[in-house]
C-alpha atoms as a PDB file:
ATOM      1  CA  GLY A   1      -6.255  26.251  24.183  1.00  0.00           C
ATOM      2  CA  LEU A   2      -6.566  26.569  27.915  1.00  0.00           C
ATOM      3  CA  LYS A   3      -3.560  25.692  30.030  1.00  0.00           C
ATOM      4  CA  CYS A   4      -3.401  25.565  33.817  1.00  0.00           C
ATOM      5  CA  TYR A   5      -0.265  26.854  35.532  1.00  0.00           C
ATOM      6  CA  ALA A   6       0.428  26.081  39.172  1.00  0.00           C
ATOM      7  CA  HIS A   7       3.078  26.883  41.727  1.00  0.00           C
ATOM      8  CA  ILE A   8       3.578  24.491  44.621  1.00  0.00           C
ATOM      9  CA  GLY A   9       6.006  25.534  47.323  1.00  0.00           C
ATOM     10  CA  THR A  10       7.324  24.353  50.651  1.00  0.00           C
ATOM     11  CA  GLY A  11       6.731  27.742  52.301  1.00  0.00           C
ATOM     12  CA  ASN A  12       4.545  30.821  52.275  1.00  0.00           C
ATOM     13  CA  TYR A  13       4.612  33.922  50.070  1.00  0.00           C
ATOM     14  CA  ASN A  14       5.866  35.954  53.003  1.00  0.00           C
ATOM     15  CA  ALA A  15       8.119  38.968  52.452  1.00  0.00           C
ATOM     16  CA  SER A  16       9.232  39.065  56.092  1.00  0.00           C
ATOM     17  CA  THR A  17      10.654  35.527  56.029  1.00  0.00           C
ATOM     18  CA  ALA A  18      11.857  35.341  52.411  1.00  0.00           C
ATOM     19  CA  ARG A  19      15.311  36.697  53.268  1.00  0.00           C
ATOM     20  CA  ILE A  20      15.993  34.268  56.115  1.00  0.00           C
ATOM     21  CA  TYR A  21      14.151  31.059  55.164  1.00  0.00           C
ATOM     22  CA  THR A  22      15.250  28.549  52.542  1.00  0.00           C
ATOM     23  CA  ASP A  23      12.435  26.966  50.557  1.00  0.00           C
ATOM     24  CA  LEU A  24      11.704  25.101  47.351  1.00  0.00           C
ATOM     25  CA  GLY A  25       8.987  25.650  44.762  1.00  0.00           C
ATOM     26  CA  ILE A  26       7.957  24.251  41.414  1.00  0.00           C
ATOM     27  CA  LEU A  27       6.146  26.084  38.604  1.00  0.00           C
ATOM     28  CA  THR A  28       4.364  23.591  36.363  1.00  0.00           C
ATOM     29  CA  CYS A  29       1.783  23.297  33.612  1.00  0.00           C
ATOM     30  CA  ASP A  30       1.477  19.512  34.023  1.00  0.00           C
ATOM     31  CA  PRO A  31      -2.199  18.817  33.102  1.00  0.00           C
ATOM     32  CA  ALA A  32      -2.626  16.148  35.784  1.00  0.00           C
ATOM     33  CA  ILE A  33      -1.299  18.395  38.555  1.00  0.00           C
ATOM     34  CA  GLY A  34      -3.431  21.283  37.304  1.00  0.00           C
ATOM     35  CA  GLN A  35      -6.510  19.069  37.332  1.00  0.00           C
ATOM     36  CA  ASP A  36      -5.682  17.760  40.807  1.00  0.00           C
ATOM     37  CA  LEU A  37      -5.319  21.294  42.187  1.00  0.00           C
ATOM     38  CA  THR A  38      -8.505  22.460  40.505  1.00  0.00           C
ATOM     39  CA  GLU A  39     -10.331  19.559  42.117  1.00  0.00           C
ATOM     40  CA  LEU A  40      -8.778  20.318  45.496  1.00  0.00           C
ATOM     41  CA  PHE A  41      -9.680  24.011  45.398  1.00  0.00           C
ATOM     42  CA  ASN A  42     -13.197  23.246  44.177  1.00  0.00           C
ATOM     43  CA  PHE A  43     -13.640  20.980  47.175  1.00  0.00           C
ATOM     44  CA  LEU A  44     -12.230  23.580  49.585  1.00  0.00           C
ATOM     45  CA  THR A  45     -14.515  26.330  48.266  1.00  0.00           C
ATOM     46  CA  THR A  46     -17.702  24.354  47.633  1.00  0.00           C
ATOM     47  CA  GLY A  47     -17.433  21.023  49.450  1.00  0.00           C
ATOM     48  CA  GLN A  48     -19.231  19.478  46.482  1.00  0.00           C
ATOM     49  CA  VAL A  49     -16.551  17.001  45.345  1.00  0.00           C
ATOM     50  CA  PRO A  50     -16.650  14.283  48.011  1.00  0.00           C
ATOM     51  CA  ASP A  51     -15.141  11.489  45.867  1.00  0.00           C
ATOM     52  CA  ARG A  52     -11.856  13.075  44.888  1.00  0.00           C
ATOM     53  CA  LYS A  53      -9.371  10.977  42.934  1.00  0.00           C
ATOM     54  CA  TYR A  54      -5.947  12.588  42.649  1.00  0.00           C
ATOM     55  CA  ARG A  55      -3.693  11.594  39.788  1.00  0.00           C
ATOM     56  CA  LYS A  56      -0.325  12.871  41.003  1.00  0.00           C
ATOM     57  CA  LEU A  57      -0.712  15.038  44.107  1.00  0.00           C
ATOM     58  CA  LEU A  58      -0.525  13.630  47.624  1.00  0.00           C
ATOM     59  CA  PRO A  59      -2.765  15.919  49.692  1.00  0.00           C
ATOM     60  CA  SER A  60      -3.484  15.604  53.374  1.00  0.00           C
ATOM     61  CA  PRO A  61      -5.471  14.750  55.368  1.00  0.00           C
ATOM     62  CA  THR A  62      -6.919  12.134  52.975  1.00  0.00           C
ATOM     63  CA  VAL A  63      -4.009  10.754  50.944  1.00  0.00           C
ATOM     64  CA  LEU A  64      -0.529  11.781  52.072  1.00  0.00           C
ATOM     65  CA  LYS A  65      -0.018   9.722  55.226  1.00  0.00           C
ATOM     66  CA  LYS A  66      -1.322   6.516  53.652  1.00  0.00           C
ATOM     67  CA  ALA A  67       0.881   7.118  50.611  1.00  0.00           C
ATOM     68  CA  LEU A  68       4.043   7.683  52.678  1.00  0.00           C
ATOM     69  CA  LEU A  69       3.425   4.555  54.765  1.00  0.00           C
ATOM     70  CA  LYS A  70       2.820   2.532  51.607  1.00  0.00           C
ATOM     71  CA  LYS A  71       6.001   3.837  49.968  1.00  0.00           C
ATOM     72  CA  ILE A  72       8.059   3.076  53.101  1.00  0.00           C
ATOM     73  CA  GLN A  73       6.724  -0.474  53.108  1.00  0.00           C
ATOM     74  CA  ARG A  74       7.452  -0.782  49.386  1.00  0.00           C
ATOM     75  CA  GLU A  75      11.068   0.176  50.092  1.00  0.00           C
ATOM     76  CA  VAL A  76      11.210  -2.598  52.697  1.00  0.00           C
ATOM     77  CA  ALA A  77       9.966  -5.092  50.091  1.00  0.00           C
ATOM     78  CA  HIS A  78      12.590  -3.892  47.585  1.00  0.00           C
ATOM     79  CA  GLN A  79      15.289  -4.208  50.234  1.00  0.00           C
ATOM     80  CA  ARG A  80      14.350  -7.798  50.989  1.00  0.00           C
ATOM     81  CA  GLU A  81      14.237  -8.768  47.329  1.00  0.00           C
ATOM     82  CA  HIS A  82      16.967  -6.657  45.750  1.00  0.00           C
ATOM     83  CA  GLY A  83      18.842  -4.806  48.504  1.00  0.00           C
ATOM     84  CA  LYS A  84      19.962  -1.156  48.337  1.00  0.00           C
ATOM     85  CA  GLY A  85      16.755   0.234  49.831  1.00  0.00           C
ATOM     86  CA  LEU A  86      16.981   3.975  50.454  1.00  0.00           C
ATOM     87  CA  ILE A  87      14.647   6.514  52.058  1.00  0.00           C
ATOM     88  CA  GLN A  88      15.670  10.164  52.443  1.00  0.00           C
ATOM     89  CA  PHE A  89      13.461  12.804  54.076  1.00  0.00           C
ATOM     90  CA  LYS A  90      14.182  16.488  54.662  1.00  0.00           C
ATOM     91  CA  MET A  91      11.708  18.392  56.842  1.00  0.00           C
ATOM     92  CA  ASN A  92      11.143  20.616  59.847  1.00  0.00           C
ATOM     93  CA  ALA A  93       9.950  17.897  62.184  1.00  0.00           C
ATOM     94  CA  LEU A  94       9.341  14.151  62.459  1.00  0.00           C
ATOM     95  CA  GLU A  95       6.700  13.694  65.126  1.00  0.00           C
ATOM     96  CA  ASP A  96       4.026  11.332  63.761  1.00  0.00           C
ATOM     97  CA  ALA A  97       4.191   7.998  65.588  1.00  0.00           C
ATOM     98  CA  ASP A  98       3.046   5.871  62.632  1.00  0.00           C
ATOM     99  CA  ILE A  99       5.671   7.289  60.265  1.00  0.00           C
ATOM    100  CA  THR A 100       8.341   6.929  62.963  1.00  0.00           C
ATOM    101  CA  GLU A 101       7.461   3.284  63.592  1.00  0.00           C
ATOM    102  CA  ALA A 102       7.426   2.570  59.848  1.00  0.00           C
ATOM    103  CA  LEU A 103      10.935   4.033  59.499  1.00  0.00           C
ATOM    104  CA  TYR A 104      12.127   1.894  62.417  1.00  0.00           C
ATOM    105  CA  ARG A 105      10.759  -1.198  60.644  1.00  0.00           C
ATOM    106  CA  ALA A 106      12.462  -0.115  57.435  1.00  0.00           C
ATOM    107  CA  SER A 107      15.796   0.164  59.247  1.00  0.00           C
ATOM    108  CA  GLN A 108      15.330  -3.248  60.839  1.00  0.00           C
ATOM    109  CA  ALA A 109      14.868  -4.644  57.319  1.00  0.00           C
ATOM    110  CA  GLY A 110      18.176  -3.045  56.273  1.00  0.00           C
ATOM    111  CA  VAL A 111      16.875   0.011  54.400  1.00  0.00           C
ATOM    112  CA  THR A 112      19.204   3.011  54.613  1.00  0.00           C
ATOM    113  CA  VAL A 113      17.264   5.916  56.142  1.00  0.00           C
ATOM    114  CA  ASP A 114      18.708   9.442  55.919  1.00  0.00           C
ATOM    115  CA  LEU A 115      16.820  12.165  57.762  1.00  0.00           C
ATOM    116  CA  ILE A 116      17.555  15.906  57.617  1.00  0.00           C
ATOM    117  CA  VAL A 117      15.284  17.224  60.359  1.00  0.00           C
ATOM    118  CA  ARG A 118      15.728  20.800  61.512  1.00  0.00           C
ATOM    119  CA  ASP A 119      13.709  20.580  64.726  1.00  0.00           C
ATOM    120  CA  THR A 120      11.868  17.819  66.608  1.00  0.00           C
ATOM    121  CA  CYS A 121      12.704  14.224  65.663  1.00  0.00           C
ATOM    122  CA  ARG A 122      11.113  11.314  67.525  1.00  0.00           C
ATOM    123  CA  LEU A 123      13.281   8.705  65.832  1.00  0.00           C
ATOM    124  CA  ARG A 124      16.634   7.887  67.410  1.00  0.00           C
ATOM    125  CA  PRO A 125      19.364   6.552  65.138  1.00  0.00           C
ATOM    126  CA  GLY A 126      22.065   3.998  65.778  1.00  0.00           C
ATOM    127  CA  ILE A 127      20.224   1.774  68.258  1.00  0.00           C
ATOM    128  CA  PRO A 128      21.409  -1.838  67.783  1.00  0.00           C
ATOM    129  CA  GLY A 129      18.727  -4.041  66.274  1.00  0.00           C
ATOM    130  CA  LEU A 130      16.359  -1.125  65.808  1.00  0.00           C
ATOM    131  CA  SER A 131      17.831   1.806  63.877  1.00  0.00           C
ATOM    132  CA  GLU A 132      21.402   0.903  62.935  1.00  0.00           C
ATOM    133  CA  SER A 133      20.948   2.074  59.315  1.00  0.00           C
ATOM    134  CA  VAL A 134      19.452   5.463  60.265  1.00  0.00           C
ATOM    135  CA  ARG A 135      21.276   8.782  60.465  1.00  0.00           C
ATOM    136  CA  VAL A 136      19.664  12.027  61.548  1.00  0.00           C
ATOM    137  CA  ILE A 137      21.207  15.464  61.065  1.00  0.00           C
ATOM    138  CA  SER A 138      20.042  19.025  61.663  1.00  0.00           C
ATOM    139  CA  ILE A 139      21.436  21.931  59.637  1.00  0.00           C
ATOM    140  CA  VAL A 140      22.043  25.138  61.595  1.00  0.00           C
ATOM    141  CA  GLY A 141      23.306  28.130  59.653  1.00  0.00           C
ATOM    142  CA  ARG A 142      22.666  31.650  58.453  1.00  0.00           C
ATOM    143  CA  PHE A 143      19.282  30.673  56.951  1.00  0.00           C
ATOM    144  CA  LEU A 144      16.442  28.719  58.517  1.00  0.00           C
ATOM    145  CA  GLU A 145      16.070  25.394  56.699  1.00  0.00           C
ATOM    146  CA  HIS A 146      12.419  25.088  55.650  1.00  0.00           C
ATOM    147  CA  PRO A 147      12.050  22.774  52.585  1.00  0.00           C
ATOM    148  CA  ARG A 148      10.295  19.415  52.713  1.00  0.00           C
ATOM    149  CA  VAL A 149      11.699  16.735  50.398  1.00  0.00           C
ATOM    150  CA  PHE A 150      10.766  13.045  50.221  1.00  0.00           C
ATOM    151  CA  HIS A 151      12.928  10.624  48.240  1.00  0.00           C
ATOM    152  CA  PHE A 152      12.515   6.878  47.649  1.00  0.00           C
ATOM    153  CA  ARG A 153      15.015   4.856  45.611  1.00  0.00           C
ATOM    154  CA  ASN A 154      12.218   2.442  44.606  1.00  0.00           C
ATOM    155  CA  ASN A 155      14.584  -0.175  43.166  1.00  0.00           C
ATOM    156  CA  GLY A 156      15.984   2.302  40.632  1.00  0.00           C
ATOM    157  CA  ASP A 157      12.674   3.868  39.589  1.00  0.00           C
ATOM    158  CA  GLU A 158      13.381   6.821  41.863  1.00  0.00           C
ATOM    159  CA  GLU A 159      10.734   9.138  43.256  1.00  0.00           C
ATOM    160  CA  TYR A 160      11.156  12.715  44.492  1.00  0.00           C
ATOM    161  CA  PHE A 161       8.451  14.795  46.154  1.00  0.00           C
ATOM    162  CA  ILE A 162       8.324  18.296  47.626  1.00  0.00           C
ATOM    163  CA  GLY A 163       5.534  20.024  49.504  1.00  0.00           C
ATOM    164  CA  SER A 164       4.289  21.851  52.537  1.00  0.00           C
ATOM    165  CA  ALA A 165       3.822  18.963  54.961  1.00  0.00           C
ATOM    166  CA  ASP A 166       6.145  17.864  57.731  1.00  0.00           C
ATOM    167  CA  CYS A 167       5.767  14.390  59.183  1.00  0.00           C
ATOM    168  CA  MET A 168       3.708  15.698  62.078  1.00  0.00           C
ATOM    169  CA  LYS A 169       0.346  14.285  63.110  1.00  0.00           C
ATOM    170  CA  ARG A 170      -1.344  17.671  62.651  1.00  0.00           C
ATOM    171  CA  ASN A 171       0.083  18.067  59.123  1.00  0.00           C
ATOM    172  CA  LEU A 172      -0.856  14.558  58.062  1.00  0.00           C
ATOM    173  CA  GLU A 173      -4.259  14.200  59.719  1.00  0.00           C
ATOM    174  CA  SER A 174      -5.700  17.625  60.581  1.00  0.00           C
ATOM    175  CA  ARG A 175      -4.575  20.103  57.919  1.00  0.00           C
ATOM    176  CA  VAL A 176      -4.853  20.530  54.179  1.00  0.00           C
ATOM    177  CA  GLU A 177      -1.323  20.201  52.808  1.00  0.00           C
ATOM    178  CA  VAL A 178      -0.062  19.293  49.334  1.00  0.00           C
ATOM    179  CA  VAL A 179       2.946  17.243  48.273  1.00  0.00           C
ATOM    180  CA  THR A 180       3.781  16.977  44.568  1.00  0.00           C
ATOM    181  CA  PRO A 181       6.047  14.663  42.586  1.00  0.00           C
ATOM    182  CA  VAL A 182       9.066  16.194  40.869  1.00  0.00           C
ATOM    183  CA  GLU A 183       9.516  14.415  37.550  1.00  0.00           C
ATOM    184  CA  ALA A 184      11.698  16.598  35.302  1.00  0.00           C
ATOM    185  CA  PRO A 185      15.252  15.150  35.210  1.00  0.00           C
ATOM    186  CA  GLU A 186      16.945  18.552  35.619  1.00  0.00           C
ATOM    187  CA  LEU A 187      14.847  19.340  38.703  1.00  0.00           C
ATOM    188  CA  ARG A 188      15.474  15.902  40.190  1.00  0.00           C
ATOM    189  CA  ALA A 189      19.187  16.540  39.706  1.00  0.00           C
ATOM    190  CA  GLN A 190      18.865  19.727  41.769  1.00  0.00           C
ATOM    191  CA  LEU A 191      17.104  17.831  44.573  1.00  0.00           C
ATOM    192  CA  ARG A 192      19.755  15.122  44.408  1.00  0.00           C
ATOM    193  CA  GLN A 193      22.452  17.764  44.781  1.00  0.00           C
ATOM    194  CA  LEU A 194      20.610  19.377  47.702  1.00  0.00           C
ATOM    195  CA  LEU A 195      20.349  16.110  49.623  1.00  0.00           C
ATOM    196  CA  ASP A 196      23.912  14.987  48.842  1.00  0.00           C
ATOM    197  CA  VAL A 197      25.533  18.276  49.839  1.00  0.00           C
ATOM    198  CA  GLN A 198      23.589  18.535  53.091  1.00  0.00           C
ATOM    199  CA  LEU A 199      24.174  14.925  54.102  1.00  0.00           C
ATOM    200  CA  LYS A 200      27.929  15.418  53.549  1.00  0.00           C
ATOM    201  CA  ASP A 201      28.027  18.726  55.464  1.00  0.00           C
ATOM    202  CA  ARG A 202      30.663  18.699  58.195  1.00  0.00           C
ATOM    203  CA  ARG A 203      30.553  22.368  59.130  1.00  0.00           C
ATOM    204  CA  SER A 204      26.937  23.323  59.923  1.00  0.00           C
ATOM    205  CA  ALA A 205      25.416  19.860  60.498  1.00  0.00           C
ATOM    206  CA  TRP A 206      24.588  18.498  63.937  1.00  0.00           C
ATOM    207  CA  GLU A 207      24.217  14.716  64.100  1.00  0.00           C
ATOM    208  CA  MET A 208      21.801  13.021  66.480  1.00  0.00           C
ATOM    209  CA  GLN A 209      23.251  10.314  68.707  1.00  0.00           C
ATOM    210  CA  SER A 210      21.434   7.193  69.891  1.00  0.00           C
ATOM    211  CA  ASP A 211      20.637   8.872  73.234  1.00  0.00           C
ATOM    212  CA  GLY A 212      18.829  11.735  71.477  1.00  0.00           C
ATOM    213  CA  GLY A 213      21.613  14.276  71.960  1.00  0.00           C
ATOM    214  CA  TYR A 214      23.351  16.102  69.111  1.00  0.00           C
ATOM    215  CA  THR A 215      27.043  16.466  68.273  1.00  0.00           C
ATOM    216  CA  GLN A 216      28.293  19.021  65.771  1.00  0.00           C
ATOM    217  CA  ARG A 217      30.235  17.465  62.936  1.00  0.00           C
ATOM    218  CA  GLN A 218      33.774  18.692  62.382  1.00  0.00           C
ATOM    219  CA  PRO A 219      35.649  18.808  59.063  1.00  0.00           C
ATOM    220  CA  ARG A 220      38.230  16.081  58.619  1.00  0.00           C
ATOM    221  CA  LYS A 221      41.207  16.017  56.298  1.00  0.00           C
ATOM    222  CA  ASN A 222      40.131  16.492  52.666  1.00  0.00           C
ATOM    223  CA  ASP A 223      36.531  17.302  53.675  1.00  0.00           C
ATOM    224  CA  GLU A 224      34.747  20.304  52.185  1.00  0.00           C
ATOM    225  CA  PRO A 225      35.452  23.064  54.745  1.00  0.00           C
ATOM    226  CA  ARG A 226      32.354  25.106  53.862  1.00  0.00           C
ATOM    227  CA  GLY A 227      28.871  24.511  55.196  1.00  0.00           C
ATOM    228  CA  CYS A 228      26.093  23.577  52.780  1.00  0.00           C
ATOM    229  CA  GLN A 229      24.426  26.991  52.934  1.00  0.00           C
ATOM    230  CA  GLU A 230      27.664  28.692  51.924  1.00  0.00           C
ATOM    231  CA  ILE A 231      28.010  26.244  49.031  1.00  0.00           C
ATOM    232  CA  PHE A 232      24.469  26.896  47.815  1.00  0.00           C
ATOM    233  CA  THR A 233      24.910  30.662  48.151  1.00  0.00           C
ATOM    234  CA  THR A 234      27.982  30.458  45.925  1.00  0.00           C
ATOM    235  CA  LEU A 235      26.135  28.318  43.363  1.00  0.00           C
ATOM    236  CA  ALA A 236      23.231  30.800  43.323  1.00  0.00           C
ATOM    237  CA  GLN A 237      25.610  33.703  42.728  1.00  0.00           C
ATOM    238  CA  GLU A 238      27.217  31.811  39.846  1.00  0.00           C
ATOM    239  CA  ARG A 239      23.806  31.106  38.278  1.00  0.00           C
ATOM    240  CA  LEU A 240      22.921  34.788  38.594  1.00  0.00           C
ATOM    241  CA  LYS A 241      26.137  35.826  36.826  1.00  0.00           C
ATOM    242  CA  ARG A 242      25.502  33.360  33.990  1.00  0.00           C
ATOM    243  CA  GLY A 243      21.934  34.604  33.657  1.00  0.00           C
ATOM    244  CA  LEU A 244      23.004  38.239  33.500  1.00  0.00           C
ATOM    245  CA  HIS A 245      25.703  37.415  30.976  1.00  0.00           C
ATOM    246  CA  SER A 246      23.349  35.500  28.683  1.00  0.00           C
ATOM    247  CA  SER A 247      20.693  38.238  28.863  1.00  0.00           C
ATOM    248  CA  LYS A 248      23.196  40.791  27.498  1.00  0.00           C
ATOM    249  CA  ARG A 249      24.051  38.710  24.443  1.00  0.00           C
ATOM    250  CA  LYS A 250      22.232  39.509  21.214  1.00  0.00           C
ATOM    251  CA  PRO A 251      19.927  36.756  19.938  1.00  0.00           C
ATOM    252  CA  ARG A 252      21.386  35.140  16.820  1.00  0.00           C
ATOM    253  CA  GLY A 253      19.773  35.939  13.504  1.00  0.00           C
ATOM    254  CA  ILE A 254      18.308  39.239  14.660  1.00  0.00           C
ATOM    255  CA  ALA A 255      19.873  42.367  13.197  1.00  0.00           C
ATOM    256  CA  SER A 256      20.337  45.480  15.282  1.00  0.00           C
ATOM    257  CA  PRO A 257      17.794  48.206  14.438  1.00  0.00           C
ATOM    258  CA  ARG A 258      19.192  51.020  12.284  1.00  0.00           C
ATOM    259  CA  ARG A 259      18.523  54.621  12.940  1.00  0.00           C
ATOM    260  CA  ARG A 260      16.677  56.400  10.194  1.00  0.00           C
ATOM    261  CA  VAL A 261      17.543  59.971   9.292  1.00  0.00           C
END
């Protein structure tokens, strides 16, 4: 039968930036995501699908901002009822006023808010009574950090999303962007590793102070001395070696062809 394959990435297919940008992408044949994208592209090319109902995707400018605000508020409700609320965003910029205010309210409710923001960030962490449970870091290294990741603990029913949108007013209200859920356990584990390693980075991370300035973290005793990009480069090289090794092994149960004379 017919099957729809889709690739959703956090960056462009651009040969000139591929060697210096870091990005994430997912290749999927999830029927709901395929149907959502078909509907989106039909609307973009024909304009004939005014009442679009997306099953899994969070596209802007119609859905994404409302969904993020709703999920932030849901985390506040979980914090008040159960505790351990957690919101973690990784992006290029946090500029949208509504998202910023919602994250301030989440912090005031006691939700832990971790932000990995490479560039502009309107939210200031560590202000008593306002953002005491917020930390903001920026990763500066060999590669330009470009992925967008959104994570909500959701009282144990965790959610992970990746996509093309930063939390900027233009991305959320004026452009067509797509954010997709990541549901496969092995892919979620990779996103969990990405966030954990970067948040623990004490070599290439700069941490925002309550006055808006940044201070570079320094390794302490027993801390990992390498920066996160060096760690991920090493992991990628190890995966490549394993892949090359496995590709050279003969498949079991298949005999080698014999030469006929």
